[in-house]
Every structure is written in structure tokens, then in C-alpha cells.
């Protein structure tokens, strides 16, 4: 039994490629490529690797927000308004426990399901939108730099198209709190980033009978050197030092609709590193 489980995991692991991704506001203020082998393993059971808002939920006990608990949702929805299965690092377990104990087998099964959910979401994204890891990372870094720069400048009105409605409200409140402490700030990203990698991918379907009406969420880790300095109303430095580089790790969740014409990636959440 343990050998069979090991062989199953090995087949899936061979179907993934390790990736690298990178992180400002969080501290101061993966396996992504699904190959044809993974597609074959997933077969026609795609609904098992998504969460449905308007019908039965598969492979998940997640509670959907009250506003989403409807028997029918209009496909004009611009964002689900929540992060499906927010990323949390898995605690490592010893090899012997993983492969030779019932609890280890259960953990291995859970890990496999998590990986297959990511594989399925990426496969659907690639099929519908021609996903390219390289282009996505370029876009993610651009958004990361743009959003942090705009926040530092203190005017977020230009972010309405690059963040979700809920995230816009969150950033607006954060900016108000920051302005109550500091008069202005200096922020600078040192490029290139140290690392950028995808931690998780998830698909949120609006209709279990039509998986094209869905959203994809990619959780990305940014590890980057940054320069930061905050000033009071007199121009005196009250925090940070713009002459020093600080290594910062951020985890952002980007979201994209599979069915809205011209839809692009938007920031929908920032998770605690």
C-alpha cells in the first residue's frame, strides 16, 4: 500500500516543475506547470478540484461567504470576494512517518490533493487563456512594483483596475492609517528580485455544469530587497533608512476571470508571510 502511494506521488511530482517568485507593504506597512501527464491523471473529474459558488462544493469543507450562497449567480460577477483555501506552509513530517504510518498516509493523500488542485487550475488557465509562466511573472512583478509605488505616493485611485473591489477598500483604509502616522514615505524596489515563485493555484467555479465560468487565483511569493523611509510633517525621518536595503518577503494572491472579455490579473489579497 505504501509503495503504491509512493508511486502515485512520484508520477505527479514528475509532472511539476520547480519555479522561483518574490515581496513591502507586508513587512513595512510552484509548482505551476501542469503537463499532459497531469491532465491525463485528472481526466474528466475537474469539478473535484474546484469550489463551486452556486452548487455542490467538491473536495472542500470551506464555508462560502453568505453573499455567495445563492442557487444561481450572474456571470457578471467581477470577483468572488474571498480567497479560496488561503496558502499556509505545510509542516514537514519524517520520511518514516509519511510512508509507514496511517497518519502519514493521510497526510500524503492530503498533499497530493493540494498539488492536483494546483495542477488542475493551471491546466484550465492554460487551456482558456494560453497561460505562460514567464509572462505571468513579468506581469506580477510589474503589478507588485506599481501597487507599492502608488501606495507610497499616497494616491490609490489609479489602482481601481489592478486590484479587486475588496482589496481597493482595504488599501484605502490602510493608507488612511498610514497618513495618520507619517506625512510621506519613500519606497524603492531593488531589481532584479531575489526570488519569485507560485505557492498555490485555485479555481473558483460559478457553475458546476460550466467550468469555463470561473476565476483563477494564483498565490505568489515575492522575495526582494527594498529601500524604505518615512517622514513626519517637518520632513524628519521617523522610520526606515533609504540608504539601506532590507530583504522583504510578501505573499500576494492574484485573480483572473476566465470568462470576462479582456480580463487581466488583479491583486485580490495579501497573506501574512
C-alpha atoms as a PDB file:
ATOM      1  CA  UNK A   1       0.000   0.000   0.000  1.00  0.00           C
ATOM      2  CA  UNK A   2       2.774   2.423   0.950  1.00  0.00           C
ATOM      3  CA  UNK A   3       4.647   1.602  -2.265  1.00  0.00           C
ATOM      4  CA  UNK A   4       1.559   2.282  -4.368  1.00  0.00           C
ATOM      5  CA  UNK A   5       1.087   5.642  -2.677  1.00  0.00           C
ATOM      6  CA  UNK A   6       4.735   6.492  -3.245  1.00  0.00           C
ATOM      7  CA  UNK A   7       4.485   5.633  -6.926  1.00  0.00           C
ATOM      8  CA  UNK A   8       1.359   7.782  -7.290  1.00  0.00           C
ATOM      9  CA  UNK A   9       3.022  10.793  -5.691  1.00  0.00           C
ATOM     10  CA  UNK A  10       6.132  10.269  -7.795  1.00  0.00           C
ATOM     11  CA  UNK A  11       4.107  10.363 -11.019  1.00  0.00           C
ATOM     12  CA  UNK A  12       2.535  13.664 -10.036  1.00  0.00           C
ATOM     13  CA  UNK A  13       5.794  15.187  -8.812  1.00  0.00           C
ATOM     14  CA  UNK A  14       7.423  14.411 -12.148  1.00  0.00           C
ATOM     15  CA  UNK A  15       4.649  16.429 -13.768  1.00  0.00           C
ATOM     16  CA  UNK A  16       5.556  19.615 -11.915  1.00  0.00           C
ATOM     17  CA  UNK A  17       8.485  21.951 -12.400  1.00  0.00           C
ATOM     18  CA  UNK A  18      10.015  23.992  -9.602  1.00  0.00           C
ATOM     19  CA  UNK A  19       9.554  27.704 -10.038  1.00  0.00           C
ATOM     20  CA  UNK A  20      11.094  30.767  -8.442  1.00  0.00           C
ATOM     21  CA  UNK A  21       8.871  34.323  -7.353  1.00  0.00           C
ATOM     22  CA  UNK A  22       9.432  37.324  -4.762  1.00  0.00           C
ATOM     23  CA  UNK A  23       7.804  40.591  -1.688  1.00  0.00           C
ATOM     24  CA  UNK A  24       6.951  45.948   1.035  1.00  0.00           C
ATOM     25  CA  UNK A  25       3.749  46.668   2.409  1.00  0.00           C
ATOM     26  CA  UNK A  26       3.526  43.349   4.244  1.00  0.00           C
ATOM     27  CA  UNK A  27       6.600  43.929   6.390  1.00  0.00           C
ATOM     28  CA  UNK A  28       6.771  47.612   6.444  1.00  0.00           C
ATOM     29  CA  UNK A  29       3.279  48.592   6.156  1.00  0.00           C
ATOM     30  CA  UNK A  30       5.439  26.048  -7.834  1.00  0.00           C
ATOM     31  CA  UNK A  31       4.940  24.160  -8.873  1.00  0.00           C
ATOM     32  CA  UNK A  32       2.938  25.557 -11.728  1.00  0.00           C
ATOM     33  CA  UNK A  33       3.440  23.786 -14.986  1.00  0.00           C
ATOM     34  CA  UNK A  34       0.878  21.003 -15.414  1.00  0.00           C
ATOM     35  CA  UNK A  35       1.990  18.590 -18.101  1.00  0.00           C
ATOM     36  CA  UNK A  36      -0.109  16.299 -20.225  1.00  0.00           C
ATOM     37  CA  UNK A  37       0.570  13.554 -17.698  1.00  0.00           C
ATOM     38  CA  UNK A  38      -1.242  15.554 -15.026  1.00  0.00           C
ATOM     39  CA  UNK A  39      -4.073  16.310 -17.444  1.00  0.00           C
ATOM     40  CA  UNK A  40      -4.481  12.597 -18.072  1.00  0.00           C
ATOM     41  CA  UNK A  41      -4.498  11.832 -14.356  1.00  0.00           C
ATOM     42  CA  UNK A  42      -7.159  14.474 -13.761  1.00  0.00           C
ATOM     43  CA  UNK A  43      -9.296  13.093 -16.557  1.00  0.00           C
ATOM     44  CA  UNK A  44     -12.870  14.341 -16.604  1.00  0.00           C
ATOM     45  CA  UNK A  45     -13.137  14.913 -12.853  1.00  0.00           C
ATOM     46  CA  UNK A  46     -12.300  18.590 -12.938  1.00  0.00           C
ATOM     47  CA  UNK A  47     -15.144  19.528 -10.617  1.00  0.00           C
ATOM     48  CA  UNK A  48     -13.353  17.700  -7.829  1.00  0.00           C
ATOM     49  CA  UNK A  49     -10.552  20.244  -7.921  1.00  0.00           C
ATOM     50  CA  UNK A  50     -12.643  23.435  -7.790  1.00  0.00           C
ATOM     51  CA  UNK A  51     -15.028  25.143  -5.421  1.00  0.00           C
ATOM     52  CA  UNK A  52     -18.484  25.996  -6.757  1.00  0.00           C
ATOM     53  CA  UNK A  53     -20.325  29.078  -5.552  1.00  0.00           C
ATOM     54  CA  UNK A  54     -23.747  28.178  -6.819  1.00  0.00           C
ATOM     55  CA  UNK A  55     -23.919  24.443  -6.243  1.00  0.00           C
ATOM     56  CA  UNK A  56     -22.296  21.481  -4.541  1.00  0.00           C
ATOM     57  CA  UNK A  57     -18.782  22.010  -3.243  1.00  0.00           C
ATOM     58  CA  UNK A  58     -16.270  19.248  -4.027  1.00  0.00           C
ATOM     59  CA  UNK A  59     -13.144  18.253  -2.143  1.00  0.00           C
ATOM     60  CA  UNK A  60     -13.606  21.148   0.278  1.00  0.00           C
ATOM     61  CA  UNK A  61     -15.411  21.947   3.503  1.00  0.00           C
ATOM     62  CA  UNK A  62     -14.775  25.660   3.055  1.00  0.00           C
ATOM     63  CA  UNK A  63     -17.617  27.936   4.094  1.00  0.00           C
ATOM     64  CA  UNK A  64     -18.534  30.265   1.245  1.00  0.00           C
ATOM     65  CA  UNK A  65     -19.372  33.860   2.273  1.00  0.00           C
ATOM     66  CA  UNK A  66     -23.076  34.496   2.810  1.00  0.00           C
ATOM     67  CA  UNK A  67     -23.313  36.776  -0.193  1.00  0.00           C
ATOM     68  CA  UNK A  68     -22.136  33.923  -2.418  1.00  0.00           C
ATOM     69  CA  UNK A  69     -24.606  31.354  -1.088  1.00  0.00           C
ATOM     70  CA  UNK A  70     -27.105  31.602  -3.894  1.00  0.00           C
ATOM     71  CA  UNK A  71     -28.658  28.983  -6.090  1.00  0.00           C
ATOM     72  CA  UNK A  72     -27.747  30.985  -9.161  1.00  0.00           C
ATOM     73  CA  UNK A  73     -25.085  33.633  -9.669  1.00  0.00           C
ATOM     74  CA  UNK A  74     -24.909  36.064 -12.539  1.00  0.00           C
ATOM     75  CA  UNK A  75     -21.762  35.720 -14.616  1.00  0.00           C
ATOM     76  CA  UNK A  76     -21.322  39.494 -14.425  1.00  0.00           C
ATOM     77  CA  UNK A  77     -19.630  38.967 -11.042  1.00  0.00           C
ATOM     78  CA  UNK A  78     -16.264  40.745 -11.150  1.00  0.00           C
ATOM     79  CA  UNK A  79     -14.683  38.897  -8.214  1.00  0.00           C
ATOM     80  CA  UNK A  80     -15.694  36.160  -5.725  1.00  0.00           C
ATOM     81  CA  UNK A  81     -14.583  38.468  -2.905  1.00  0.00           C
ATOM     82  CA  UNK A  82     -12.642  35.833  -0.954  1.00  0.00           C
ATOM     83  CA  UNK A  83      -9.523  33.694  -1.255  1.00  0.00           C
ATOM     84  CA  UNK A  84     -10.226  30.001  -1.748  1.00  0.00           C
ATOM     85  CA  UNK A  85      -8.002  27.911   0.531  1.00  0.00           C
ATOM     86  CA  UNK A  86      -5.507  30.624   1.603  1.00  0.00           C
ATOM     87  CA  UNK A  87      -1.959  29.304   1.469  1.00  0.00           C
ATOM     88  CA  UNK A  88      -0.343  28.076   4.677  1.00  0.00           C
ATOM     89  CA  UNK A  89       3.024  26.282   4.722  1.00  0.00           C
ATOM     90  CA  UNK A  90       2.757  22.571   5.480  1.00  0.00           C
ATOM     91  CA  UNK A  91       4.747  21.330   8.451  1.00  0.00           C
ATOM     92  CA  UNK A  92       7.369  18.768   7.326  1.00  0.00           C
ATOM     93  CA  UNK A  93       6.994  15.222   8.640  1.00  0.00           C
ATOM     94  CA  UNK A  94       9.665  12.486   8.882  1.00  0.00           C
ATOM     95  CA  UNK A  95      10.030  10.093   5.946  1.00  0.00           C
ATOM     96  CA  UNK A  96       9.242   7.022   8.055  1.00  0.00           C
ATOM     97  CA  UNK A  97       6.084   8.606   9.422  1.00  0.00           C
ATOM     98  CA  UNK A  98       4.867   9.663   5.975  1.00  0.00           C
ATOM     99  CA  UNK A  99       5.224   6.251   4.361  1.00  0.00           C
ATOM    100  CA  UNK A 100       4.789   3.759   7.194  1.00  0.00           C
ATOM    101  CA  UNK A 101       2.009   5.109   9.428  1.00  0.00           C
ATOM    102  CA  UNK A 102      -1.740   5.645   8.834  1.00  0.00           C
ATOM    103  CA  UNK A 103      -1.434   9.325   9.782  1.00  0.00           C
ATOM    104  CA  UNK A 104       1.432   9.689   7.317  1.00  0.00           C
ATOM    105  CA  UNK A 105      -0.618   8.086   4.552  1.00  0.00           C
ATOM    106  CA  UNK A 106      -3.465  10.510   5.236  1.00  0.00           C
ATOM    107  CA  UNK A 107      -1.053  13.420   5.120  1.00  0.00           C
ATOM    108  CA  UNK A 108       0.418  12.161   1.840  1.00  0.00           C
ATOM    109  CA  UNK A 109      -3.068  11.927   0.367  1.00  0.00           C
ATOM    110  CA  UNK A 110      -3.855  15.478   1.508  1.00  0.00           C
ATOM    111  CA  UNK A 111      -0.621  16.777  -0.005  1.00  0.00           C
ATOM    112  CA  UNK A 112      -1.364  15.015  -3.275  1.00  0.00           C
ATOM    113  CA  UNK A 113      -4.839  16.550  -3.447  1.00  0.00           C
ATOM    114  CA  UNK A 114      -3.424  20.026  -2.818  1.00  0.00           C
ATOM    115  CA  UNK A 115      -0.890  19.571  -5.625  1.00  0.00           C
ATOM    116  CA  UNK A 116      -3.503  18.233  -8.021  1.00  0.00           C
ATOM    117  CA  UNK A 117      -5.784  21.197  -7.330  1.00  0.00           C
ATOM    118  CA  UNK A 118      -2.934  23.480  -8.331  1.00  0.00           C
ATOM    119  CA  UNK A 119      -2.221  21.385 -11.420  1.00  0.00           C
ATOM    120  CA  UNK A 120      -5.856  21.441 -12.480  1.00  0.00           C
ATOM    121  CA  UNK A 121      -6.228  25.206 -12.024  1.00  0.00           C
ATOM    122  CA  UNK A 122      -3.110  25.843 -14.116  1.00  0.00           C
ATOM    123  CA  UNK A 123      -4.253  23.395 -16.780  1.00  0.00           C
ATOM    124  CA  UNK A 124      -7.620  25.188 -17.077  1.00  0.00           C
ATOM    125  CA  UNK A 125      -5.888  28.564 -17.171  1.00  0.00           C
ATOM    126  CA  UNK A 126      -3.505  27.420 -19.896  1.00  0.00           C
ATOM    127  CA  UNK A 127      -6.350  25.963 -21.944  1.00  0.00           C
ATOM    128  CA  UNK A 128      -8.578  29.049 -21.713  1.00  0.00           C
ATOM    129  CA  UNK A 129      -6.022  31.881 -21.683  1.00  0.00           C
ATOM    130  CA  UNK A 130      -2.789  30.397 -23.041  1.00  0.00           C
ATOM    131  CA  UNK A 131      -1.003  30.764 -19.711  1.00  0.00           C
ATOM    132  CA  UNK A 132       2.752  31.408 -19.804  1.00  0.00           C
ATOM    133  CA  UNK A 133       4.666  31.257 -16.522  1.00  0.00           C
ATOM    134  CA  UNK A 134       7.310  33.692 -17.789  1.00  0.00           C
ATOM    135  CA  UNK A 135       4.767  36.282 -18.938  1.00  0.00           C
ATOM    136  CA  UNK A 136       2.731  35.899 -15.757  1.00  0.00           C
ATOM    137  CA  UNK A 137       5.788  36.533 -13.604  1.00  0.00           C
ATOM    138  CA  UNK A 138       6.662  39.622 -15.629  1.00  0.00           C
ATOM    139  CA  UNK A 139       3.109  40.876 -15.137  1.00  0.00           C
ATOM    140  CA  UNK A 140       3.146  40.022 -11.420  1.00  0.00           C
ATOM    141  CA  UNK A 141       6.402  41.913 -10.815  1.00  0.00           C
ATOM    142  CA  UNK A 142       5.050  44.924 -12.724  1.00  0.00           C
ATOM    143  CA  UNK A 143       1.894  44.923 -10.595  1.00  0.00           C
ATOM    144  CA  UNK A 144       3.916  44.442  -7.418  1.00  0.00           C
ATOM    145  CA  UNK A 145       6.102  47.448  -8.209  1.00  0.00           C
ATOM    146  CA  UNK A 146       3.226  49.601  -9.469  1.00  0.00           C
ATOM    147  CA  UNK A 147       0.928  48.956  -6.499  1.00  0.00           C
ATOM    148  CA  UNK A 148       3.633  49.545  -3.899  1.00  0.00           C
ATOM    149  CA  UNK A 149       4.807  52.722  -5.663  1.00  0.00           C
ATOM    150  CA  UNK A 150       1.277  54.119  -5.813  1.00  0.00           C
ATOM    151  CA  UNK A 151       0.757  53.306  -2.132  1.00  0.00           C
ATOM    152  CA  UNK A 152       3.987  55.082  -1.250  1.00  0.00           C
ATOM    153  CA  UNK A 153       2.880  58.151  -3.231  1.00  0.00           C
ATOM    154  CA  UNK A 154      -0.415  58.196  -1.336  1.00  0.00           C
ATOM    155  CA  UNK A 155      -2.935  58.159  -4.194  1.00  0.00           C
ATOM    156  CA  UNK A 156      -4.584  54.838  -4.964  1.00  0.00           C
ATOM    157  CA  UNK A 157      -7.261  55.999  -7.422  1.00  0.00           C
ATOM    158  CA  UNK A 158      -5.153  54.657 -10.299  1.00  0.00           C
ATOM    159  CA  UNK A 159      -5.340  51.147  -8.813  1.00  0.00           C
ATOM    160  CA  UNK A 160      -9.035  50.537  -9.491  1.00  0.00           C
ATOM    161  CA  UNK A 161      -8.226  48.365 -12.498  1.00  0.00           C
ATOM    162  CA  UNK A 162      -5.322  46.479 -10.916  1.00  0.00           C
ATOM    163  CA  UNK A 163      -6.919  45.396  -7.620  1.00  0.00           C
ATOM    164  CA  UNK A 164     -10.305  43.896  -6.775  1.00  0.00           C
ATOM    165  CA  UNK A 165     -13.054  45.988  -5.192  1.00  0.00           C
ATOM    166  CA  UNK A 166     -12.493  44.440  -1.770  1.00  0.00           C
ATOM    167  CA  UNK A 167      -8.729  44.926  -1.996  1.00  0.00           C
ATOM    168  CA  UNK A 168      -9.196  48.551  -3.053  1.00  0.00           C
ATOM    169  CA  UNK A 169     -11.233  49.212   0.077  1.00  0.00           C
ATOM    170  CA  UNK A 170      -8.559  47.519   2.218  1.00  0.00           C
ATOM    171  CA  UNK A 171      -5.752  49.588   0.682  1.00  0.00           C
ATOM    172  CA  UNK A 172      -7.755  52.783   1.085  1.00  0.00           C
ATOM    173  CA  UNK A 173      -8.182  52.138   4.815  1.00  0.00           C
ATOM    174  CA  UNK A 174      -4.508  51.232   5.210  1.00  0.00           C
ATOM    175  CA  UNK A 175      -3.480  54.445   3.503  1.00  0.00           C
ATOM    176  CA  UNK A 176      -5.612  56.472   5.915  1.00  0.00           C
ATOM    177  CA  UNK A 177      -3.990  54.776   8.908  1.00  0.00           C
ATOM    178  CA  UNK A 178      -0.521  55.344   7.469  1.00  0.00           C
ATOM    179  CA  UNK A 179      -1.177  59.021   6.832  1.00  0.00           C
ATOM    180  CA  UNK A 180      -2.208  59.419  10.464  1.00  0.00           C
ATOM    181  CA  UNK A 181       1.325  58.343  11.478  1.00  0.00           C
ATOM    182  CA  UNK A 182       3.571  59.530   8.629  1.00  0.00           C
ATOM    183  CA  UNK A 183       3.390  62.543   6.364  1.00  0.00           C
ATOM    184  CA  UNK A 184       5.045  60.812   3.416  1.00  0.00           C
ATOM    185  CA  UNK A 185       7.194  57.785   2.619  1.00  0.00           C
ATOM    186  CA  UNK A 186       9.940  56.773   0.239  1.00  0.00           C
ATOM    187  CA  UNK A 187       9.809  53.264  -1.216  1.00  0.00           C
ATOM    188  CA  UNK A 188      12.103  51.711  -3.782  1.00  0.00           C
ATOM    189  CA  UNK A 189      12.351  48.199  -5.204  1.00  0.00           C
ATOM    190  CA  UNK A 190      15.853  46.879  -5.842  1.00  0.00           C
ATOM    191  CA  UNK A 191      15.759  44.889  -9.067  1.00  0.00           C
ATOM    192  CA  UNK A 192      16.039  42.160 -10.073  1.00  0.00           C
ATOM    193  CA  UNK A 193      14.046  40.362  -7.399  1.00  0.00           C
ATOM    194  CA  UNK A 194      15.774  37.749  -5.296  1.00  0.00           C
ATOM    195  CA  UNK A 195      13.044  35.196  -5.955  1.00  0.00           C
ATOM    196  CA  UNK A 196       9.549  34.822  -7.311  1.00  0.00           C
ATOM    197  CA  UNK A 197       7.554  31.610  -7.189  1.00  0.00           C
ATOM    198  CA  UNK A 198       3.983  30.377  -7.197  1.00  0.00           C
ATOM    199  CA  UNK A 199       2.856  28.709  -3.983  1.00  0.00           C
ATOM    200  CA  UNK A 200      -0.658  27.699  -4.949  1.00  0.00           C
ATOM    201  CA  UNK A 201      -3.267  27.876  -7.708  1.00  0.00           C
ATOM    202  CA  UNK A 202      -7.003  27.508  -7.221  1.00  0.00           C
ATOM    203  CA  UNK A 203     -10.100  27.639  -9.397  1.00  0.00           C
ATOM    204  CA  UNK A 204     -13.466  29.030  -8.249  1.00  0.00           C
ATOM    205  CA  UNK A 205     -16.345  27.982 -10.497  1.00  0.00           C
ATOM    206  CA  UNK A 206     -19.641  29.851 -10.617  1.00  0.00           C
ATOM    207  CA  UNK A 207     -21.479  26.954 -12.238  1.00  0.00           C
ATOM    208  CA  UNK A 208     -20.573  23.300 -11.687  1.00  0.00           C
ATOM    209  CA  UNK A 209     -22.047  22.497 -15.110  1.00  0.00           C
ATOM    210  CA  UNK A 210     -19.934  25.094 -16.911  1.00  0.00           C
ATOM    211  CA  UNK A 211     -16.351  25.239 -15.636  1.00  0.00           C
ATOM    212  CA  UNK A 212     -15.498  27.998 -18.105  1.00  0.00           C
ATOM    213  CA  UNK A 213     -17.421  30.407 -15.872  1.00  0.00           C
ATOM    214  CA  UNK A 214     -14.709  30.551 -13.262  1.00  0.00           C
ATOM    215  CA  UNK A 215     -11.973  32.556 -11.599  1.00  0.00           C
ATOM    216  CA  UNK A 216      -8.346  31.510 -11.158  1.00  0.00           C
ATOM    217  CA  UNK A 217      -6.369  32.575  -8.088  1.00  0.00           C
ATOM    218  CA  UNK A 218      -2.571  32.300  -8.042  1.00  0.00           C
ATOM    219  CA  UNK A 219      -0.740  32.756  -4.739  1.00  0.00           C
ATOM    220  CA  UNK A 220       2.707  34.215  -5.363  1.00  0.00           C
ATOM    221  CA  UNK A 221       5.698  34.693  -3.082  1.00  0.00           C
ATOM    222  CA  UNK A 222       7.883  37.770  -3.641  1.00  0.00           C
ATOM    223  CA  UNK A 223      11.329  37.900  -2.055  1.00  0.00           C
ATOM    224  CA  UNK A 224      13.036  41.198  -2.813  1.00  0.00           C
ATOM    225  CA  UNK A 225      15.410  43.831  -1.475  1.00  0.00           C
ATOM    226  CA  UNK A 226      13.748  47.158  -0.828  1.00  0.00           C
ATOM    227  CA  UNK A 227      14.551  50.636   0.477  1.00  0.00           C
ATOM    228  CA  UNK A 228      12.101  52.398   2.759  1.00  0.00           C
ATOM    229  CA  UNK A 229      11.990  55.645   4.709  1.00  0.00           C
ATOM    230  CA  UNK A 230       9.115  57.506   6.420  1.00  0.00           C
ATOM    231  CA  UNK A 231       8.908  61.217   7.279  1.00  0.00           C
ATOM    232  CA  UNK A 232       6.830  63.397   9.575  1.00  0.00           C
ATOM    233  CA  UNK A 233       5.224  66.722   8.644  1.00  0.00           C
ATOM    234  CA  UNK A 234       8.539  68.521   9.245  1.00  0.00           C
ATOM    235  CA  UNK A 235      10.416  66.252   6.857  1.00  0.00           C
ATOM    236  CA  UNK A 236      12.303  64.445   9.610  1.00  0.00           C
ATOM    237  CA  UNK A 237      12.970  60.720   9.225  1.00  0.00           C
ATOM    238  CA  UNK A 238      10.837  58.758  11.693  1.00  0.00           C
ATOM    239  CA  UNK A 239      11.222  55.209  10.330  1.00  0.00           C
ATOM    240  CA  UNK A 240      13.440  53.230   7.978  1.00  0.00           C
ATOM    241  CA  UNK A 241      16.579  54.242   6.094  1.00  0.00           C
ATOM    242  CA  UNK A 242      16.529  54.688   2.319  1.00  0.00           C
ATOM    243  CA  UNK A 243      20.264  54.059   2.156  1.00  0.00           C
ATOM    244  CA  UNK A 244      19.883  50.516   3.489  1.00  0.00           C
ATOM    245  CA  UNK A 245      18.500  47.540   1.586  1.00  0.00           C
ATOM    246  CA  UNK A 246      16.076  45.348   3.509  1.00  0.00           C
ATOM    247  CA  UNK A 247      15.106  41.830   2.413  1.00  0.00           C
ATOM    248  CA  UNK A 248      11.306  41.577   2.410  1.00  0.00           C
ATOM    249  CA  UNK A 249       9.028  38.595   1.809  1.00  0.00           C
ATOM    250  CA  UNK A 250       5.438  39.156   0.675  1.00  0.00           C
ATOM    251  CA  UNK A 251       2.719  36.702  -0.335  1.00  0.00           C
ATOM    252  CA  UNK A 252       0.151  38.110  -2.744  1.00  0.00           C
ATOM    253  CA  UNK A 253      -2.885  36.477  -4.335  1.00  0.00           C
ATOM    254  CA  UNK A 254      -3.650  37.423  -7.930  1.00  0.00           C
ATOM    255  CA  UNK A 255      -7.012  36.723  -9.514  1.00  0.00           C
ATOM    256  CA  UNK A 256      -8.249  36.485 -13.089  1.00  0.00           C
ATOM    257  CA  UNK A 257     -11.601  35.749 -14.665  1.00  0.00           C
ATOM    258  CA  UNK A 258     -11.782  33.048 -17.326  1.00  0.00           C
ATOM    259  CA  UNK A 259     -14.980  34.387 -18.864  1.00  0.00           C
ATOM    260  CA  UNK A 260     -14.840  38.200 -18.847  1.00  0.00           C
ATOM    261  CA  UNK A 261     -13.584  39.558 -22.210  1.00  0.00           C
ATOM    262  CA  UNK A 262     -10.266  41.341 -21.774  1.00  0.00           C
ATOM    263  CA  UNK A 263      -9.933  40.322 -18.125  1.00  0.00           C
ATOM    264  CA  UNK A 264      -6.430  40.586 -16.685  1.00  0.00           C
ATOM    265  CA  UNK A 265      -4.688  39.756 -13.407  1.00  0.00           C
ATOM    266  CA  UNK A 266      -5.667  41.784 -10.350  1.00  0.00           C
ATOM    267  CA  UNK A 267      -4.469  41.726  -6.753  1.00  0.00           C
ATOM    268  CA  UNK A 268      -7.209  40.257  -4.567  1.00  0.00           C
ATOM    269  CA  UNK A 269      -5.377  39.645  -1.259  1.00  0.00           C
ATOM    270  CA  UNK A 270      -2.106  39.797   0.647  1.00  0.00           C
ATOM    271  CA  UNK A 271      -1.366  36.990   3.082  1.00  0.00           C
ATOM    272  CA  UNK A 272       0.843  37.046   6.158  1.00  0.00           C
ATOM    273  CA  UNK A 273       4.287  35.596   5.304  1.00  0.00           C
END
